[in-house]
N, C-alpha and C. Protein backbone atom coordinates (compact mmCIF):
# COMPACT_ATOMS: atom_id res chain seq x y z
N UNK A 1 54.97 130.76 62.54
CA UNK A 1 55.44 129.62 63.32
C UNK A 1 56.42 130.06 64.40
N UNK A 2 57.26 131.05 64.04
CA UNK A 2 58.31 131.50 64.94
C UNK A 2 57.82 132.10 66.24
N UNK A 3 56.60 132.61 66.26
CA UNK A 3 56.09 133.21 67.50
C UNK A 3 56.08 132.17 68.62
N UNK A 4 55.70 130.97 68.31
CA UNK A 4 55.66 129.90 69.33
C UNK A 4 56.90 129.00 69.28
N UNK A 5 57.35 128.67 68.08
CA UNK A 5 58.43 127.70 67.92
C UNK A 5 59.81 128.33 67.83
N UNK A 6 59.87 129.65 67.77
CA UNK A 6 61.16 130.34 67.68
C UNK A 6 61.65 130.47 66.25
N UNK A 7 62.45 131.47 66.03
CA UNK A 7 63.00 131.74 64.70
C UNK A 7 63.90 130.64 64.18
N UNK A 8 64.40 129.81 65.09
CA UNK A 8 65.27 128.69 64.70
C UNK A 8 64.59 127.34 64.92
N UNK A 9 63.29 127.38 65.14
CA UNK A 9 62.47 126.17 65.35
C UNK A 9 62.89 125.40 66.59
N UNK A 10 63.54 126.08 67.53
CA UNK A 10 64.05 125.43 68.73
C UNK A 10 63.09 125.48 69.92
N UNK A 11 61.91 126.02 69.71
CA UNK A 11 60.91 126.07 70.76
C UNK A 11 60.99 127.31 71.63
N UNK A 12 61.87 128.23 71.29
CA UNK A 12 62.04 129.44 72.09
C UNK A 12 61.33 130.61 71.43
N UNK A 13 60.01 130.54 71.40
CA UNK A 13 59.22 131.58 70.77
C UNK A 13 58.86 132.69 71.74
N UNK A 14 58.28 133.75 71.22
CA UNK A 14 57.89 134.90 72.02
C UNK A 14 56.71 134.60 72.94
N UNK A 15 55.89 133.63 72.62
CA UNK A 15 54.69 133.30 73.41
C UNK A 15 54.89 132.05 74.24
N UNK A 16 55.99 131.96 74.87
CA UNK A 16 56.22 130.78 75.69
C UNK A 16 57.03 129.74 74.96
N UNK A 17 56.85 128.52 75.34
CA UNK A 17 57.67 127.43 74.84
C UNK A 17 56.87 126.53 73.89
N UNK A 18 57.13 126.64 72.60
CA UNK A 18 56.54 125.73 71.63
C UNK A 18 57.43 124.51 71.51
N UNK A 19 56.99 123.53 70.77
CA UNK A 19 57.79 122.32 70.55
C UNK A 19 59.07 122.65 69.80
N UNK A 20 60.14 121.96 70.13
CA UNK A 20 61.40 122.06 69.40
C UNK A 20 61.26 121.20 68.15
N UNK A 21 61.05 121.84 67.03
CA UNK A 21 60.78 121.11 65.78
C UNK A 21 62.04 120.51 65.17
N UNK A 22 63.19 120.83 65.71
CA UNK A 22 64.44 120.24 65.22
C UNK A 22 64.56 118.78 65.64
N UNK A 23 63.76 118.38 66.63
CA UNK A 23 63.81 116.99 67.11
C UNK A 23 62.48 116.27 66.90
N UNK A 24 61.66 116.81 66.03
CA UNK A 24 60.36 116.20 65.71
C UNK A 24 60.60 114.77 65.22
N UNK A 25 59.90 113.80 65.80
CA UNK A 25 60.20 112.41 65.47
C UNK A 25 58.97 111.60 65.03
N UNK A 26 57.94 112.28 64.63
CA UNK A 26 56.71 111.57 64.25
C UNK A 26 56.51 111.46 62.74
N UNK A 27 57.44 111.97 61.98
CA UNK A 27 57.37 111.84 60.54
C UNK A 27 56.69 113.03 59.86
N UNK A 28 57.01 113.18 58.60
CA UNK A 28 56.51 114.30 57.79
C UNK A 28 54.98 114.30 57.72
N UNK A 29 54.40 113.11 57.53
CA UNK A 29 52.94 113.01 57.40
C UNK A 29 52.25 113.52 58.67
N UNK A 30 52.77 113.15 59.84
CA UNK A 30 52.18 113.60 61.10
C UNK A 30 52.36 115.11 61.27
N UNK A 31 53.49 115.63 60.81
CA UNK A 31 53.71 117.08 60.84
C UNK A 31 52.61 117.79 60.05
N UNK A 32 52.36 117.32 58.84
CA UNK A 32 51.33 117.92 57.99
C UNK A 32 49.97 117.84 58.66
N UNK A 33 49.62 116.68 59.19
CA UNK A 33 48.33 116.51 59.88
C UNK A 33 48.19 117.47 61.06
N UNK A 34 49.25 117.63 61.84
CA UNK A 34 49.22 118.50 63.01
C UNK A 34 49.07 119.96 62.61
N UNK A 35 49.79 120.38 61.59
CA UNK A 35 49.68 121.77 61.14
C UNK A 35 48.27 122.04 60.63
N UNK A 36 47.71 121.11 59.89
CA UNK A 36 46.37 121.30 59.33
C UNK A 36 45.28 121.30 60.40
N UNK A 37 45.33 120.35 61.31
CA UNK A 37 44.24 120.15 62.27
C UNK A 37 44.49 120.78 63.64
N UNK A 38 45.73 121.13 63.93
CA UNK A 38 46.06 121.62 65.26
C UNK A 38 46.26 120.47 66.22
N UNK A 39 46.58 120.82 67.47
CA UNK A 39 46.84 119.76 68.45
C UNK A 39 46.65 120.32 69.85
N UNK A 40 45.98 119.53 70.68
CA UNK A 40 45.88 119.86 72.10
C UNK A 40 47.22 119.53 72.73
N UNK A 41 47.79 120.46 73.47
CA UNK A 41 49.13 120.26 74.00
C UNK A 41 49.16 120.02 75.50
N UNK A 42 48.04 120.25 76.17
CA UNK A 42 48.02 120.13 77.62
C UNK A 42 48.52 121.40 78.30
N UNK A 43 48.83 122.39 77.51
CA UNK A 43 49.29 123.68 78.03
C UNK A 43 48.19 124.70 77.79
N UNK A 44 48.37 125.88 78.36
CA UNK A 44 47.38 126.95 78.18
C UNK A 44 47.23 127.29 76.69
N UNK A 45 48.33 127.21 75.96
CA UNK A 45 48.30 127.48 74.52
C UNK A 45 48.42 126.18 73.76
N UNK A 46 47.51 125.95 72.85
CA UNK A 46 47.59 124.74 72.04
C UNK A 46 48.07 125.10 70.64
N UNK A 47 48.42 124.09 69.89
CA UNK A 47 48.81 124.28 68.50
C UNK A 47 47.54 124.54 67.71
N UNK A 48 47.39 125.75 67.14
CA UNK A 48 46.17 126.03 66.37
C UNK A 48 46.16 125.31 65.03
N UNK A 49 44.99 125.14 64.48
CA UNK A 49 44.84 124.54 63.14
C UNK A 49 45.13 125.60 62.09
N UNK A 50 46.00 125.27 61.16
CA UNK A 50 46.36 126.19 60.09
C UNK A 50 45.88 125.72 58.72
N UNK A 51 45.14 124.61 58.68
CA UNK A 51 44.68 124.05 57.42
C UNK A 51 43.80 124.99 56.60
N UNK A 52 43.07 125.86 57.27
CA UNK A 52 42.22 126.81 56.56
C UNK A 52 42.93 128.09 56.18
N UNK A 53 44.19 128.20 56.60
CA UNK A 53 44.97 129.42 56.35
C UNK A 53 46.10 129.15 55.36
N UNK A 54 46.81 128.06 55.56
CA UNK A 54 47.97 127.73 54.72
C UNK A 54 47.59 126.69 53.67
N UNK A 55 48.13 126.83 52.49
CA UNK A 55 47.91 125.83 51.44
C UNK A 55 48.74 124.59 51.74
N UNK A 56 48.37 123.47 51.15
CA UNK A 56 49.16 122.25 51.30
C UNK A 56 50.60 122.51 50.86
N UNK A 57 50.77 123.19 49.76
CA UNK A 57 52.12 123.46 49.24
C UNK A 57 52.95 124.22 50.27
N UNK A 58 52.36 125.22 50.91
CA UNK A 58 53.08 125.99 51.91
C UNK A 58 53.45 125.13 53.11
N UNK A 59 52.53 124.29 53.56
CA UNK A 59 52.81 123.39 54.68
C UNK A 59 53.94 122.43 54.32
N UNK A 60 53.94 121.90 53.11
CA UNK A 60 55.00 121.00 52.67
C UNK A 60 56.34 121.73 52.61
N UNK A 61 56.32 122.97 52.17
CA UNK A 61 57.56 123.75 52.10
C UNK A 61 58.12 124.02 53.49
N UNK A 62 57.25 124.33 54.43
CA UNK A 62 57.69 124.55 55.81
C UNK A 62 58.30 123.26 56.36
N UNK A 63 57.62 122.14 56.14
CA UNK A 63 58.15 120.85 56.60
C UNK A 63 59.49 120.52 55.97
N UNK A 64 59.64 120.79 54.68
CA UNK A 64 60.91 120.53 54.00
C UNK A 64 62.03 121.39 54.60
N UNK A 65 61.71 122.64 54.90
CA UNK A 65 62.69 123.51 55.54
C UNK A 65 63.07 122.98 56.92
N UNK A 66 62.08 122.57 57.70
CA UNK A 66 62.36 122.07 59.04
C UNK A 66 63.23 120.82 59.00
N UNK A 67 63.06 120.01 57.98
CA UNK A 67 63.92 118.83 57.83
C UNK A 67 65.38 119.21 57.73
N UNK A 68 65.66 120.37 57.13
CA UNK A 68 67.05 120.82 56.99
C UNK A 68 67.64 121.26 58.33
N UNK A 69 66.78 121.56 59.30
CA UNK A 69 67.23 121.99 60.63
C UNK A 69 67.31 120.83 61.62
N UNK A 70 66.87 119.65 61.20
CA UNK A 70 66.76 118.51 62.11
C UNK A 70 68.10 118.15 62.75
N UNK A 71 68.03 117.83 64.03
CA UNK A 71 69.19 117.36 64.76
C UNK A 71 69.34 115.86 64.56
N UNK A 72 70.53 115.35 64.84
CA UNK A 72 70.74 113.90 64.79
C UNK A 72 69.74 113.22 65.71
N UNK A 73 69.14 112.16 65.23
CA UNK A 73 68.15 111.42 66.00
C UNK A 73 66.73 111.80 65.66
N UNK A 74 66.53 112.98 65.09
CA UNK A 74 65.18 113.36 64.64
C UNK A 74 64.87 112.50 63.43
N UNK A 75 63.64 112.10 63.30
CA UNK A 75 63.30 111.22 62.19
C UNK A 75 62.06 111.74 61.49
N UNK A 76 62.27 112.67 60.59
CA UNK A 76 61.14 113.24 59.83
C UNK A 76 60.53 112.21 58.90
N UNK A 77 61.23 111.17 58.56
CA UNK A 77 60.70 110.16 57.67
C UNK A 77 59.92 109.06 58.35
N UNK A 78 59.87 109.09 59.67
CA UNK A 78 59.18 108.07 60.44
C UNK A 78 57.69 108.03 60.09
N UNK A 79 57.10 106.85 59.97
CA UNK A 79 55.68 106.75 59.68
C UNK A 79 54.82 107.45 60.74
N UNK A 80 53.65 107.86 60.37
CA UNK A 80 52.78 108.63 61.24
C UNK A 80 51.93 107.79 62.17
N UNK A 81 52.08 106.49 62.19
CA UNK A 81 51.21 105.63 62.99
C UNK A 81 51.72 105.46 64.42
N UNK A 82 52.34 106.47 65.00
CA UNK A 82 52.84 106.41 66.38
C UNK A 82 52.06 107.32 67.27
C-alpha cells in the first residue's frame, strides 16, 4: 500500500500521489470494496484490485489500522452508499 499511499498513508508514495487515506470519508465498507475490486482514478495509475491477493482478514486489518491514523473529520464509519 505504501508504494502509492505512502508509509504514513498520507498519499506521498514512491509512485506518485495516491489518496490520503487519513481523510478517507466513504466508510469502512467502501474501503473494503475498493481494495477488493480496485478503482478507476482518472489518473495514469489506478487503484489495482487486491481481492485475489489479500484475504478478507488482511484487508480488514489494514482498514482497522488506517482508522487509527484518521484525521479529525475523516469518517471511516460512514455508510458506503455515497
